[in-house]
């Protein structure tokens, strides 16, 4: 069709904050998983964080995209969107992303494992879910880099997947 369309004002959805730097984690069903994931990221080897282009000090906000995730839509066939992504609308004056957005479907799957599994202790399941969330964030950050200028144009997604698999 070729026309460039913009959503109507009432169609925009702001990601829901799960964590704000200087404030903490928001109350709600994901609180324990998010807090534990941030603790894991804080304790992660700095070399791994560097390889993933992730610096917890640069994270002003961790948020959730509440929209339904259409796995069959062509844009969602790209693997980077499955993990979440840095928000391209929140960039500081130095060219660094500052808000990371995870998909609600990811958080819901992790929460389901915690709440539906009764054979294991809940605290163990929370740590497991948090480790998966932390790894998911690192994989997505490794794909997008620290900002829009992180990778030259010749870098392909395929060339990023090997290093990401190594630190995963």
Foldseek 3Di string as FASTA:
>chain_A
DPDDDDDDPVPDDDFAFQAFPPPGGDDDLCNLLQVLLLVCVVVDDVVLCVLLLHDSVLARTETEDADDDDCPDVVNVDVLPQLWAQDQVAADPVFFGHYTYGYVVLSVVLSCQLPVDDPDDSVVSSNVSSNVNNLSSSLNSLQCHGGVPRDPPVDDSVNSVVSSVVSD
